[in-house]
Amino acid sequence: MLNMFKRVGVQARIESDPVVLQAAERFVLPGVGAFDAAMQRIDSISGLRDVLEHKALVDKVPVLGVCLGMQLLTRSSEEGKLPGLGWIPGATRRFPKQRELKVPHMGWNIALLTSSNPLLVDVEPEPRYYFVHSYFVEVDDPAYSLMRTHYGIDFDSAIGRDNIFGVQFHPEKSHRFGMQLLKNFAEL
């Protein structure tokens, strides 16, 4: 992710220190690991959740959840027992068992735009992104869906509410399509 931000001319760094994050102008919730482990990590670092929530919900700095990071934005996940952040009303579900459907969903897929949003400025009409996931987000209100993708079922592959966004795919692995999205995020 850092390399892709560098390619679009944006300084970025990996940080989990709540004191340092208080000065953040935007932040990305990364997409690695399992739901409960990620929530435990957020809650285990003293003051981290408070700073993240204040920055996102009070200061209204732009937030981008990537893959698992998007799932953490919801209230719950079928992958775990812990509650999510709940910043975007929705839940994270496991792909249904279908004989012809390989899980995890891994590889390139099209994400169709379902609404206009500053995060999606200059994004091509049928952008292709790289996915690796066994769970998907289902938002409570279609107004929070920015993009949808088909993989056995239709699912929300990009979501947004105010200054908070999530993408199920990996923009850092999605070449020019991901580069445009990260550039847009950096300019919010």
N, C-alpha and C. Protein backbone atom coordinates (compact mmCIF):
# COMPACT_ATOMS: atom_id res chain seq x y z
N MET A 1 0.83 -1.18 0.00
CA MET A 1 0.00 0.00 0.00
C MET A 1 0.88 1.25 0.00
N LEU A 2 1.93 1.23 0.80
CA LEU A 2 2.82 2.40 0.86
C LEU A 2 3.41 2.72 -0.51
N ASN A 3 3.80 1.68 -1.25
CA ASN A 3 4.39 1.90 -2.57
C ASN A 3 3.39 2.53 -3.53
N MET A 4 2.12 2.11 -3.46
CA MET A 4 1.12 2.67 -4.36
C MET A 4 0.85 4.13 -4.00
N PHE A 5 0.81 4.46 -2.71
CA PHE A 5 0.67 5.87 -2.33
C PHE A 5 1.86 6.68 -2.83
N LYS A 6 3.05 6.11 -2.73
CA LYS A 6 4.25 6.80 -3.21
C LYS A 6 4.14 7.06 -4.71
N ARG A 7 3.60 6.10 -5.46
CA ARG A 7 3.45 6.26 -6.92
C ARG A 7 2.49 7.39 -7.28
N VAL A 8 1.51 7.67 -6.40
CA VAL A 8 0.57 8.76 -6.69
C VAL A 8 1.03 10.06 -6.01
N GLY A 9 2.24 10.04 -5.44
CA GLY A 9 2.82 11.25 -4.88
C GLY A 9 2.33 11.62 -3.49
N VAL A 10 1.95 10.62 -2.71
CA VAL A 10 1.41 10.87 -1.37
C VAL A 10 2.32 10.24 -0.33
N GLN A 11 2.70 11.03 0.67
CA GLN A 11 3.47 10.48 1.78
C GLN A 11 2.54 9.69 2.68
N ALA A 12 2.95 8.50 3.05
CA ALA A 12 2.16 7.65 3.94
C ALA A 12 3.12 6.83 4.78
N ARG A 13 2.63 6.36 5.92
CA ARG A 13 3.45 5.49 6.76
C ARG A 13 2.53 4.57 7.56
N ILE A 14 3.10 3.50 8.04
CA ILE A 14 2.38 2.56 8.89
C ILE A 14 2.50 3.06 10.32
N GLU A 15 1.36 3.18 11.00
CA GLU A 15 1.37 3.74 12.34
C GLU A 15 0.22 3.17 13.16
N SER A 16 0.50 2.86 14.43
CA SER A 16 -0.56 2.43 15.35
C SER A 16 -0.48 3.17 16.69
N ASP A 17 0.42 4.12 16.80
CA ASP A 17 0.56 4.89 18.03
C ASP A 17 -0.56 5.94 18.09
N PRO A 18 -1.46 5.84 19.08
CA PRO A 18 -2.57 6.78 19.16
C PRO A 18 -2.14 8.24 19.23
N VAL A 19 -1.02 8.52 19.86
CA VAL A 19 -0.53 9.90 19.97
C VAL A 19 -0.19 10.44 18.59
N VAL A 20 0.49 9.64 17.78
CA VAL A 20 0.87 10.05 16.44
C VAL A 20 -0.37 10.16 15.55
N LEU A 21 -1.30 9.22 15.70
CA LEU A 21 -2.51 9.21 14.87
C LEU A 21 -3.42 10.41 15.12
N GLN A 22 -3.27 11.07 16.26
CA GLN A 22 -4.09 12.26 16.53
C GLN A 22 -3.84 13.36 15.51
N ALA A 23 -2.68 13.34 14.87
CA ALA A 23 -2.37 14.36 13.86
C ALA A 23 -2.69 13.90 12.44
N ALA A 24 -3.21 12.69 12.28
CA ALA A 24 -3.47 12.15 10.94
C ALA A 24 -4.54 12.96 10.20
N GLU A 25 -4.28 13.19 8.92
CA GLU A 25 -5.24 13.90 8.07
C GLU A 25 -6.17 12.94 7.37
N ARG A 26 -5.82 11.68 7.35
CA ARG A 26 -6.64 10.58 6.82
C ARG A 26 -5.96 9.29 7.26
N PHE A 27 -6.71 8.18 7.24
CA PHE A 27 -6.07 6.91 7.58
C PHE A 27 -6.73 5.74 6.88
N VAL A 28 -5.92 4.68 6.72
CA VAL A 28 -6.35 3.45 6.07
C VAL A 28 -6.35 2.35 7.12
N LEU A 29 -7.47 1.62 7.20
CA LEU A 29 -7.52 0.40 8.01
C LEU A 29 -7.12 -0.74 7.09
N PRO A 30 -6.03 -1.44 7.39
CA PRO A 30 -5.51 -2.43 6.46
C PRO A 30 -6.36 -3.70 6.37
N GLY A 31 -6.01 -4.51 5.38
CA GLY A 31 -6.82 -5.68 5.05
C GLY A 31 -6.14 -7.00 5.25
N VAL A 32 -5.57 -7.24 6.41
CA VAL A 32 -4.87 -8.50 6.67
C VAL A 32 -5.38 -9.11 7.96
N GLY A 33 -5.62 -10.43 7.94
CA GLY A 33 -5.96 -11.13 9.17
C GLY A 33 -7.42 -11.52 9.27
N ALA A 34 -7.82 -11.87 10.49
CA ALA A 34 -9.19 -12.30 10.77
C ALA A 34 -9.91 -11.21 11.58
N PHE A 35 -11.23 -11.20 11.49
CA PHE A 35 -12.05 -10.15 12.08
C PHE A 35 -11.79 -9.99 13.58
N ASP A 36 -11.97 -11.04 14.37
CA ASP A 36 -11.81 -10.91 15.83
C ASP A 36 -10.39 -10.50 16.20
N ALA A 37 -9.40 -11.07 15.54
CA ALA A 37 -8.00 -10.71 15.84
C ALA A 37 -7.75 -9.23 15.56
N ALA A 38 -8.30 -8.72 14.47
CA ALA A 38 -8.12 -7.30 14.14
C ALA A 38 -8.82 -6.41 15.17
N MET A 39 -10.04 -6.76 15.56
CA MET A 39 -10.74 -5.97 16.56
C MET A 39 -10.02 -6.03 17.91
N GLN A 40 -9.50 -7.21 18.27
CA GLN A 40 -8.74 -7.33 19.52
C GLN A 40 -7.50 -6.44 19.47
N ARG A 41 -6.85 -6.38 18.31
CA ARG A 41 -5.65 -5.54 18.16
C ARG A 41 -6.00 -4.07 18.34
N ILE A 42 -7.09 -3.64 17.71
CA ILE A 42 -7.52 -2.24 17.86
C ILE A 42 -7.81 -1.93 19.32
N ASP A 43 -8.50 -2.85 20.00
CA ASP A 43 -8.88 -2.62 21.39
C ASP A 43 -7.73 -2.83 22.38
N SER A 44 -6.67 -3.55 21.97
CA SER A 44 -5.59 -3.85 22.91
C SER A 44 -4.57 -2.72 23.02
N ILE A 45 -4.50 -1.85 22.04
CA ILE A 45 -3.55 -0.73 22.10
C ILE A 45 -4.25 0.41 22.82
N SER A 46 -3.73 0.76 23.96
CA SER A 46 -4.36 1.76 24.82
C SER A 46 -4.65 3.06 24.06
N GLY A 47 -5.92 3.42 24.00
CA GLY A 47 -6.34 4.68 23.40
C GLY A 47 -6.53 4.64 21.89
N LEU A 48 -6.16 3.54 21.23
CA LEU A 48 -6.23 3.50 19.76
C LEU A 48 -7.67 3.63 19.26
N ARG A 49 -8.57 2.85 19.81
CA ARG A 49 -9.96 2.90 19.32
C ARG A 49 -10.55 4.29 19.56
N ASP A 50 -10.28 4.89 20.71
CA ASP A 50 -10.80 6.23 20.99
C ASP A 50 -10.30 7.25 19.97
N VAL A 51 -9.02 7.19 19.66
CA VAL A 51 -8.45 8.13 18.69
C VAL A 51 -9.06 7.89 17.30
N LEU A 52 -9.14 6.63 16.89
CA LEU A 52 -9.71 6.32 15.57
C LEU A 52 -11.15 6.82 15.48
N GLU A 53 -11.94 6.55 16.52
CA GLU A 53 -13.34 6.98 16.50
C GLU A 53 -13.46 8.50 16.51
N HIS A 54 -12.63 9.17 17.28
CA HIS A 54 -12.69 10.63 17.32
C HIS A 54 -12.31 11.21 15.96
N LYS A 55 -11.22 10.70 15.38
CA LYS A 55 -10.78 11.19 14.07
C LYS A 55 -11.86 10.95 13.01
N ALA A 56 -12.45 9.77 13.00
CA ALA A 56 -13.43 9.41 11.97
C ALA A 56 -14.79 10.06 12.20
N LEU A 57 -15.29 10.00 13.42
CA LEU A 57 -16.67 10.40 13.68
C LEU A 57 -16.83 11.85 14.11
N VAL A 58 -15.81 12.42 14.73
CA VAL A 58 -15.90 13.81 15.21
C VAL A 58 -15.14 14.75 14.28
N ASP A 59 -13.85 14.45 14.05
CA ASP A 59 -13.04 15.31 13.18
C ASP A 59 -13.37 15.11 11.70
N LYS A 60 -14.01 14.00 11.38
CA LYS A 60 -14.43 13.69 10.01
C LYS A 60 -13.28 13.60 9.02
N VAL A 61 -12.12 13.05 9.47
CA VAL A 61 -11.03 12.82 8.53
C VAL A 61 -11.40 11.63 7.64
N PRO A 62 -10.96 11.62 6.39
CA PRO A 62 -11.25 10.50 5.51
C PRO A 62 -10.63 9.20 6.02
N VAL A 63 -11.41 8.14 5.96
CA VAL A 63 -11.00 6.80 6.38
C VAL A 63 -11.25 5.86 5.21
N LEU A 64 -10.30 4.96 4.96
CA LEU A 64 -10.48 3.93 3.94
C LEU A 64 -10.17 2.57 4.55
N GLY A 65 -11.17 1.71 4.63
CA GLY A 65 -10.96 0.34 5.06
C GLY A 65 -10.73 -0.52 3.83
N VAL A 66 -9.68 -1.33 3.84
CA VAL A 66 -9.33 -2.18 2.71
C VAL A 66 -9.50 -3.64 3.09
N CYS A 67 -10.28 -4.38 2.33
CA CYS A 67 -10.54 -5.81 2.52
C CYS A 67 -11.07 -6.04 3.94
N LEU A 68 -10.31 -6.66 4.81
CA LEU A 68 -10.74 -6.84 6.19
C LEU A 68 -11.04 -5.49 6.83
N GLY A 69 -10.26 -4.47 6.49
CA GLY A 69 -10.49 -3.13 7.02
C GLY A 69 -11.89 -2.62 6.69
N MET A 70 -12.41 -2.96 5.50
CA MET A 70 -13.79 -2.60 5.16
C MET A 70 -14.76 -3.36 6.04
N GLN A 71 -14.51 -4.63 6.26
CA GLN A 71 -15.40 -5.45 7.08
C GLN A 71 -15.45 -4.94 8.52
N LEU A 72 -14.33 -4.42 9.02
CA LEU A 72 -14.29 -3.88 10.38
C LEU A 72 -15.20 -2.66 10.54
N LEU A 73 -15.50 -1.99 9.44
CA LEU A 73 -16.38 -0.81 9.49
C LEU A 73 -17.83 -1.17 9.81
N THR A 74 -18.19 -2.45 9.65
CA THR A 74 -19.56 -2.90 9.89
C THR A 74 -19.76 -3.23 11.37
N ARG A 75 -20.98 -3.58 11.73
CA ARG A 75 -21.27 -3.86 13.15
C ARG A 75 -20.89 -5.28 13.57
N SER A 76 -20.79 -6.22 12.60
CA SER A 76 -20.50 -7.61 12.98
C SER A 76 -20.00 -8.39 11.77
N SER A 77 -19.47 -9.59 12.08
CA SER A 77 -19.01 -10.48 11.02
C SER A 77 -19.33 -11.92 11.39
N GLU A 78 -19.74 -12.69 10.40
CA GLU A 78 -19.96 -14.12 10.61
C GLU A 78 -18.64 -14.85 10.84
N GLU A 79 -17.52 -14.16 10.61
CA GLU A 79 -16.21 -14.76 10.85
C GLU A 79 -15.87 -14.80 12.33
N GLY A 80 -16.46 -13.92 13.11
CA GLY A 80 -16.10 -13.84 14.52
C GLY A 80 -17.27 -13.55 15.42
N LYS A 81 -16.95 -13.31 16.67
CA LYS A 81 -17.97 -13.04 17.69
C LYS A 81 -17.96 -11.59 18.18
N LEU A 82 -16.84 -10.91 18.01
CA LEU A 82 -16.72 -9.54 18.51
C LEU A 82 -17.49 -8.56 17.63
N PRO A 83 -17.97 -7.48 18.22
CA PRO A 83 -18.60 -6.45 17.39
C PRO A 83 -17.55 -5.68 16.60
N GLY A 84 -17.98 -5.19 15.43
CA GLY A 84 -17.11 -4.36 14.63
C GLY A 84 -17.19 -2.91 15.08
N LEU A 85 -16.62 -2.02 14.31
CA LEU A 85 -16.64 -0.61 14.64
C LEU A 85 -18.04 -0.01 14.49
N GLY A 86 -18.82 -0.52 13.54
CA GLY A 86 -20.19 -0.05 13.35
C GLY A 86 -20.30 1.33 12.73
N TRP A 87 -19.30 1.77 12.01
CA TRP A 87 -19.31 3.11 11.43
C TRP A 87 -20.18 3.19 10.18
N ILE A 88 -20.36 2.06 9.50
CA ILE A 88 -21.27 1.99 8.36
C ILE A 88 -22.25 0.86 8.65
N PRO A 89 -23.55 1.17 8.71
CA PRO A 89 -24.54 0.14 9.05
C PRO A 89 -24.54 -1.00 8.03
N GLY A 90 -24.18 -2.16 8.52
CA GLY A 90 -24.12 -3.35 7.68
C GLY A 90 -23.49 -4.48 8.45
N ALA A 91 -23.41 -5.63 7.80
CA ALA A 91 -22.83 -6.82 8.43
C ALA A 91 -21.95 -7.53 7.40
N THR A 92 -21.03 -8.31 7.91
CA THR A 92 -20.12 -9.08 7.07
C THR A 92 -20.57 -10.54 7.09
N ARG A 93 -20.75 -11.09 5.90
CA ARG A 93 -21.28 -12.45 5.74
C ARG A 93 -20.27 -13.34 5.01
N ARG A 94 -20.39 -14.64 5.24
CA ARG A 94 -19.57 -15.61 4.51
C ARG A 94 -20.25 -15.92 3.18
N PHE A 95 -19.44 -16.11 2.14
CA PHE A 95 -20.01 -16.51 0.86
C PHE A 95 -20.81 -17.81 1.04
N PRO A 96 -21.96 -17.90 0.41
CA PRO A 96 -22.76 -19.12 0.53
C PRO A 96 -22.06 -20.30 -0.15
N LYS A 97 -22.31 -21.48 0.37
CA LYS A 97 -21.72 -22.67 -0.25
C LYS A 97 -22.47 -22.97 -1.53
N GLN A 98 -21.71 -22.95 -2.62
CA GLN A 98 -22.22 -23.30 -3.94
C GLN A 98 -21.16 -24.16 -4.59
N ARG A 99 -21.58 -25.23 -5.21
CA ARG A 99 -20.63 -26.19 -5.77
C ARG A 99 -19.66 -25.52 -6.76
N GLU A 100 -20.15 -24.61 -7.57
CA GLU A 100 -19.31 -23.99 -8.59
C GLU A 100 -18.54 -22.76 -8.09
N LEU A 101 -18.73 -22.43 -6.82
CA LEU A 101 -18.13 -21.21 -6.28
C LEU A 101 -16.93 -21.55 -5.39
N LYS A 102 -15.73 -21.16 -5.82
CA LYS A 102 -14.55 -21.39 -5.01
C LYS A 102 -14.41 -20.26 -3.99
N VAL A 103 -14.20 -20.62 -2.75
CA VAL A 103 -13.99 -19.65 -1.70
C VAL A 103 -12.65 -19.99 -1.06
N PRO A 104 -11.73 -19.01 -0.96
CA PRO A 104 -11.97 -17.58 -1.13
C PRO A 104 -12.11 -17.15 -2.59
N HIS A 105 -12.81 -16.05 -2.77
CA HIS A 105 -12.88 -15.36 -4.05
C HIS A 105 -11.51 -14.74 -4.25
N MET A 106 -10.79 -15.20 -5.25
CA MET A 106 -9.42 -14.74 -5.44
C MET A 106 -9.18 -14.47 -6.91
N GLY A 107 -8.79 -13.24 -7.20
CA GLY A 107 -8.46 -12.86 -8.57
C GLY A 107 -9.14 -11.57 -8.97
N TRP A 108 -9.10 -11.31 -10.26
CA TRP A 108 -9.61 -10.06 -10.81
C TRP A 108 -11.11 -10.15 -11.04
N ASN A 109 -11.80 -9.04 -10.77
CA ASN A 109 -13.23 -8.98 -11.00
C ASN A 109 -13.63 -7.53 -11.24
N ILE A 110 -14.74 -7.34 -11.90
CA ILE A 110 -15.27 -6.01 -12.20
C ILE A 110 -16.09 -5.51 -11.01
N ALA A 111 -15.95 -4.25 -10.71
CA ALA A 111 -16.76 -3.59 -9.68
C ALA A 111 -17.57 -2.49 -10.38
N LEU A 112 -18.87 -2.66 -10.43
CA LEU A 112 -19.73 -1.70 -11.10
C LEU A 112 -20.12 -0.57 -10.15
N LEU A 113 -20.00 0.66 -10.63
CA LEU A 113 -20.37 1.82 -9.82
C LEU A 113 -21.88 1.85 -9.61
N THR A 114 -22.30 2.07 -8.36
CA THR A 114 -23.73 2.15 -8.04
C THR A 114 -24.13 3.55 -7.62
N SER A 115 -23.16 4.42 -7.39
CA SER A 115 -23.47 5.81 -7.07
C SER A 115 -22.25 6.67 -7.36
N SER A 116 -22.48 7.97 -7.46
CA SER A 116 -21.35 8.86 -7.66
C SER A 116 -20.84 9.29 -6.28
N ASN A 117 -19.54 9.47 -6.21
CA ASN A 117 -18.91 9.80 -4.94
C ASN A 117 -17.53 10.35 -5.25
N PRO A 118 -17.03 11.31 -4.47
CA PRO A 118 -15.67 11.84 -4.72
C PRO A 118 -14.59 10.76 -4.72
N LEU A 119 -14.80 9.66 -4.00
CA LEU A 119 -13.81 8.58 -4.01
C LEU A 119 -13.71 7.95 -5.40
N LEU A 120 -14.75 8.07 -6.20
CA LEU A 120 -14.82 7.38 -7.48
C LEU A 120 -14.64 8.30 -8.69
N VAL A 121 -14.20 9.53 -8.47
CA VAL A 121 -13.98 10.47 -9.57
C VAL A 121 -12.96 9.89 -10.54
N ASP A 122 -13.26 9.95 -11.82
CA ASP A 122 -12.39 9.48 -12.89
C ASP A 122 -12.12 7.97 -12.86
N VAL A 123 -12.92 7.23 -12.11
CA VAL A 123 -12.81 5.76 -12.15
C VAL A 123 -13.52 5.30 -13.41
N GLU A 124 -12.90 4.39 -14.14
CA GLU A 124 -13.48 3.90 -15.39
C GLU A 124 -14.83 3.23 -15.14
N PRO A 125 -15.71 3.17 -16.15
CA PRO A 125 -17.05 2.62 -15.96
C PRO A 125 -17.10 1.16 -15.47
N GLU A 126 -16.16 0.32 -15.89
CA GLU A 126 -16.12 -1.07 -15.43
C GLU A 126 -14.71 -1.41 -14.96
N PRO A 127 -14.29 -0.81 -13.84
CA PRO A 127 -12.93 -1.06 -13.36
C PRO A 127 -12.76 -2.49 -12.85
N ARG A 128 -11.55 -3.01 -13.02
CA ARG A 128 -11.22 -4.36 -12.55
C ARG A 128 -10.27 -4.24 -11.37
N TYR A 129 -10.62 -4.96 -10.32
CA TYR A 129 -9.81 -4.92 -9.09
C TYR A 129 -9.44 -6.35 -8.68
N TYR A 130 -8.41 -6.42 -7.86
CA TYR A 130 -7.94 -7.72 -7.37
C TYR A 130 -8.55 -8.01 -6.00
N PHE A 131 -9.21 -9.16 -5.89
CA PHE A 131 -9.90 -9.58 -4.67
C PHE A 131 -9.25 -10.82 -4.07
N VAL A 132 -9.24 -10.90 -2.75
CA VAL A 132 -8.90 -12.11 -2.00
C VAL A 132 -9.73 -12.06 -0.72
N HIS A 133 -10.86 -12.81 -0.69
CA HIS A 133 -11.71 -12.76 0.50
C HIS A 133 -12.71 -13.92 0.51
N SER A 134 -13.06 -14.31 1.73
CA SER A 134 -14.08 -15.35 1.95
C SER A 134 -15.37 -14.76 2.49
N TYR A 135 -15.32 -13.51 2.89
CA TYR A 135 -16.46 -12.81 3.48
C TYR A 135 -16.73 -11.55 2.67
N PHE A 136 -17.97 -11.10 2.70
CA PHE A 136 -18.36 -9.90 1.96
C PHE A 136 -19.26 -9.05 2.85
N VAL A 137 -19.34 -7.77 2.52
CA VAL A 137 -20.17 -6.84 3.29
C VAL A 137 -21.53 -6.69 2.63
N GLU A 138 -22.55 -6.64 3.48
CA GLU A 138 -23.92 -6.37 3.05
C GLU A 138 -24.39 -5.15 3.84
N VAL A 139 -24.50 -3.99 3.17
CA VAL A 139 -24.93 -2.77 3.86
C VAL A 139 -26.43 -2.80 4.10
N ASP A 140 -26.86 -2.13 5.17
CA ASP A 140 -28.29 -2.09 5.51
C ASP A 140 -29.10 -1.24 4.54
N ASP A 141 -28.47 -0.22 3.99
CA ASP A 141 -29.16 0.73 3.11
C ASP A 141 -28.37 0.85 1.81
N PRO A 142 -29.01 0.64 0.66
CA PRO A 142 -28.29 0.74 -0.61
C PRO A 142 -27.60 2.10 -0.82
N ALA A 143 -28.00 3.12 -0.09
CA ALA A 143 -27.34 4.43 -0.21
C ALA A 143 -25.87 4.36 0.21
N TYR A 144 -25.49 3.35 1.00
CA TYR A 144 -24.10 3.20 1.44
C TYR A 144 -23.25 2.39 0.46
N SER A 145 -23.87 1.84 -0.57
CA SER A 145 -23.15 1.04 -1.56
C SER A 145 -22.61 1.94 -2.66
N LEU A 146 -21.32 1.87 -2.91
CA LEU A 146 -20.69 2.67 -3.97
C LEU A 146 -20.38 1.83 -5.20
N MET A 147 -20.07 0.54 -4.99
CA MET A 147 -19.77 -0.38 -6.08
C MET A 147 -20.29 -1.76 -5.69
N ARG A 148 -20.67 -2.53 -6.72
CA ARG A 148 -21.10 -3.91 -6.49
C ARG A 148 -20.37 -4.82 -7.46
N THR A 149 -20.14 -6.04 -7.01
CA THR A 149 -19.41 -7.03 -7.78
C THR A 149 -20.20 -8.34 -7.74
N HIS A 150 -20.09 -9.12 -8.81
CA HIS A 150 -20.76 -10.42 -8.85
C HIS A 150 -19.72 -11.53 -8.72
N TYR A 151 -19.96 -12.40 -7.74
CA TYR A 151 -19.17 -13.62 -7.58
C TYR A 151 -20.10 -14.65 -6.95
N GLY A 152 -20.86 -15.33 -7.77
CA GLY A 152 -21.88 -16.25 -7.28
C GLY A 152 -23.12 -15.51 -6.81
N ILE A 153 -22.90 -14.39 -6.15
CA ILE A 153 -23.95 -13.47 -5.71
C ILE A 153 -23.45 -12.05 -5.99
N ASP A 154 -24.34 -11.08 -5.93
CA ASP A 154 -23.93 -9.69 -6.00
C ASP A 154 -23.63 -9.21 -4.58
N PHE A 155 -22.51 -8.51 -4.41
CA PHE A 155 -22.16 -8.01 -3.08
C PHE A 155 -21.59 -6.61 -3.19
N ASP A 156 -21.60 -5.90 -2.08
CA ASP A 156 -21.05 -4.55 -2.02
C ASP A 156 -19.53 -4.64 -1.99
N SER A 157 -18.89 -4.14 -3.05
CA SER A 157 -17.43 -4.19 -3.10
C SER A 157 -16.79 -2.86 -2.74
N ALA A 158 -17.58 -1.80 -2.65
CA ALA A 158 -17.12 -0.51 -2.13
C ALA A 158 -18.30 0.14 -1.43
N ILE A 159 -18.04 0.68 -0.25
CA ILE A 159 -19.10 1.30 0.54
C ILE A 159 -18.64 2.66 1.02
N GLY A 160 -19.58 3.50 1.40
CA GLY A 160 -19.20 4.81 1.91
C GLY A 160 -20.34 5.46 2.66
N ARG A 161 -19.95 6.23 3.64
CA ARG A 161 -20.89 7.03 4.43
C ARG A 161 -20.12 8.25 4.91
N ASP A 162 -20.51 9.41 4.42
CA ASP A 162 -19.82 10.65 4.77
C ASP A 162 -18.33 10.54 4.42
N ASN A 163 -17.46 10.58 5.41
CA ASN A 163 -16.02 10.55 5.21
C ASN A 163 -15.42 9.15 5.36
N ILE A 164 -16.27 8.15 5.53
CA ILE A 164 -15.79 6.78 5.80
C ILE A 164 -16.08 5.90 4.59
N PHE A 165 -15.03 5.22 4.11
CA PHE A 165 -15.14 4.40 2.92
C PHE A 165 -14.52 3.03 3.16
N GLY A 166 -14.97 2.06 2.40
CA GLY A 166 -14.38 0.74 2.45
C GLY A 166 -14.39 0.11 1.07
N VAL A 167 -13.36 -0.65 0.78
CA VAL A 167 -13.28 -1.42 -0.47
C VAL A 167 -12.91 -2.85 -0.12
N GLN A 168 -13.62 -3.80 -0.73
CA GLN A 168 -13.35 -5.21 -0.46
C GLN A 168 -12.10 -5.68 -1.20
N PHE A 169 -11.79 -5.05 -2.30
CA PHE A 169 -10.64 -5.43 -3.12
C PHE A 169 -9.37 -4.76 -2.58
N HIS A 170 -8.26 -5.11 -3.19
CA HIS A 170 -6.96 -4.56 -2.80
C HIS A 170 -6.53 -3.54 -3.85
N PRO A 171 -6.72 -2.24 -3.59
CA PRO A 171 -6.33 -1.24 -4.59
C PRO A 171 -4.83 -1.25 -4.86
N GLU A 172 -4.04 -1.61 -3.89
CA GLU A 172 -2.58 -1.61 -4.07
C GLU A 172 -2.12 -2.70 -5.02
N LYS A 173 -2.98 -3.68 -5.32
CA LYS A 173 -2.66 -4.77 -6.25
C LYS A 173 -3.45 -4.64 -7.55
N SER A 174 -4.17 -3.54 -7.71
CA SER A 174 -5.12 -3.41 -8.81
C SER A 174 -4.68 -2.43 -9.89
N HIS A 175 -3.38 -2.27 -10.06
CA HIS A 175 -2.80 -1.47 -11.14
C HIS A 175 -3.45 -0.09 -11.26
N ARG A 176 -3.73 0.33 -12.48
CA ARG A 176 -4.21 1.70 -12.70
C ARG A 176 -5.56 1.95 -12.04
N PHE A 177 -6.38 0.91 -11.92
CA PHE A 177 -7.70 1.08 -11.29
C PHE A 177 -7.54 1.42 -9.81
N GLY A 178 -6.69 0.68 -9.14
CA GLY A 178 -6.42 0.93 -7.73
C GLY A 178 -5.68 2.24 -7.51
N MET A 179 -4.78 2.55 -8.43
CA MET A 179 -4.02 3.79 -8.31
C MET A 179 -4.96 5.00 -8.36
N GLN A 180 -5.95 4.98 -9.24
CA GLN A 180 -6.89 6.09 -9.34
C GLN A 180 -7.69 6.22 -8.05
N LEU A 181 -8.12 5.11 -7.51
CA LEU A 181 -8.92 5.15 -6.28
C LEU A 181 -8.10 5.70 -5.11
N LEU A 182 -6.85 5.26 -4.98
CA LEU A 182 -6.00 5.76 -3.89
C LEU A 182 -5.66 7.24 -4.09
N LYS A 183 -5.47 7.65 -5.34
CA LYS A 183 -5.24 9.07 -5.62
C LYS A 183 -6.45 9.89 -5.19
N ASN A 184 -7.64 9.40 -5.52
CA ASN A 184 -8.87 10.10 -5.12
C ASN A 184 -8.98 10.18 -3.60
N PHE A 185 -8.68 9.08 -2.92
CA PHE A 185 -8.74 9.08 -1.47
C PHE A 185 -7.78 10.11 -0.87
N ALA A 186 -6.58 10.17 -1.43
CA ALA A 186 -5.57 11.11 -0.93
C ALA A 186 -5.99 12.56 -1.13
N GLU A 187 -6.87 12.81 -2.08
CA GLU A 187 -7.31 14.18 -2.39
C GLU A 187 -8.60 14.57 -1.66
N LEU A 188 -9.19 13.65 -0.91
CA LEU A 188 -10.43 13.99 -0.19
C LEU A 188 -10.18 14.99 0.92
